[in-house]
Amino acid sequence: MPIELNGERFYRTAEACRIAGISKNTFFRWVKAGLFADVEYKDRRGWRLFTHNELERLMAEANRVHKNPRTESWRVPSTNLK
């Protein structure tokens, strides 16, 4: 459940990851590898607080699709099998 602070809605890491459909371990791996910039806000305990925009950015990264370069060598010329 999001929390409201100073009129702004924030999501904690577990909830943001659940909404994005990824594990917390995946999120932390992305941050460590530099694939996802860390969030701007943390609470007094050091827990991450995701803004709505950061949550949307996380969901976009989680749903990003890219072409697998390994499949290029597996292409078989198409033949008409009539």
Protein backbone atom coordinates (compact mmCIF):
# COMPACT_ATOMS: atom_id res chain seq x y z
CA MET A 1 0.00 0.00 0.00
CA PRO A 2 1.50 3.35 -0.98
CA ILE A 3 2.28 5.89 1.70
CA GLU A 4 1.53 9.61 1.58
CA LEU A 5 4.20 12.07 2.71
CA ASN A 6 3.87 15.82 2.24
CA GLY A 7 1.00 15.27 -0.18
CA GLU A 8 3.01 12.94 -2.45
CA ARG A 9 2.46 9.19 -2.88
CA PHE A 10 5.44 6.85 -2.46
CA TYR A 11 5.88 3.11 -2.91
CA ARG A 12 8.35 0.97 -0.99
CA THR A 13 10.68 -1.42 -2.82
CA ALA A 14 8.66 -4.60 -2.27
CA GLU A 15 5.46 -3.00 -3.52
CA ALA A 16 7.12 -1.31 -6.50
CA CYS A 17 8.72 -4.60 -7.55
CA ARG A 18 5.44 -6.49 -7.12
CA ILE A 19 3.62 -3.95 -9.32
CA ALA A 20 6.40 -4.11 -11.94
CA GLY A 21 6.39 -7.91 -11.86
CA ILE A 22 10.01 -8.39 -10.84
CA SER A 23 11.73 -9.68 -7.70
CA LYS A 24 13.54 -7.39 -5.28
CA ASN A 25 16.72 -9.32 -6.10
CA THR A 26 16.31 -8.40 -9.78
CA PHE A 27 15.82 -4.74 -8.88
CA PHE A 28 18.92 -4.67 -6.67
CA ARG A 29 20.94 -6.44 -9.39
CA TRP A 30 19.82 -3.82 -11.95
CA VAL A 31 20.82 -0.96 -9.64
CA LYS A 32 24.21 -2.56 -8.89
CA ALA A 33 24.87 -3.15 -12.60
CA GLY A 34 23.83 0.41 -13.48
CA LEU A 35 20.88 -0.74 -15.59
CA PHE A 36 18.45 1.23 -13.43
CA ALA A 37 19.23 4.51 -11.70
CA ASP A 38 18.52 4.34 -7.98
CA VAL A 39 15.52 6.21 -6.58
CA GLU A 40 15.76 9.80 -5.41
CA TYR A 41 14.16 9.42 -1.97
CA LYS A 42 14.81 7.21 1.05
CA ASP A 43 13.15 7.28 4.45
CA ARG A 44 15.03 7.73 7.73
CA ARG A 45 15.74 3.98 7.84
CA GLY A 46 17.34 4.11 4.39
CA TRP A 47 14.48 2.30 2.69
CA ARG A 48 13.83 3.34 -0.89
CA LEU A 49 10.71 5.35 -1.67
CA PHE A 50 9.56 5.23 -5.29
CA THR A 51 7.66 8.16 -6.76
CA HIS A 52 4.97 7.50 -9.35
CA ASN A 53 7.40 8.45 -12.13
CA GLU A 54 10.08 6.10 -10.79
CA LEU A 55 7.51 3.31 -10.56
CA GLU A 56 6.55 3.90 -14.21
CA ARG A 57 10.24 3.85 -15.17
CA LEU A 58 10.68 0.54 -13.32
CA MET A 59 7.65 -0.98 -15.07
CA ALA A 60 8.97 0.20 -18.45
CA GLU A 61 12.35 -1.43 -17.77
CA ALA A 62 10.69 -4.63 -16.59
CA ASN A 63 8.62 -4.84 -19.78
CA ARG A 64 11.37 -3.80 -22.20
CA VAL A 65 11.88 -6.24 -25.07
CA HIS A 66 15.09 -6.53 -27.03
CA LYS A 67 16.21 -8.73 -29.86
CA ASN A 68 18.39 -11.69 -28.93
CA PRO A 69 21.58 -11.43 -31.01
CA ARG A 70 22.24 -15.17 -30.65
CA THR A 71 19.23 -16.05 -32.79
CA GLU A 72 20.79 -14.59 -35.94
CA SER A 73 22.99 -17.65 -36.45
CA TRP A 74 20.02 -19.99 -35.99
CA ARG A 75 18.02 -18.67 -38.92
CA VAL A 76 17.18 -21.29 -41.46
CA PRO A 77 16.31 -20.20 -44.98
CA SER A 78 12.61 -20.58 -45.53
CA THR A 79 11.51 -23.18 -48.03
CA ASN A 80 8.14 -23.76 -49.55
CA LEU A 81 6.98 -27.16 -48.38
CA LYS A 82 3.93 -27.60 -50.53
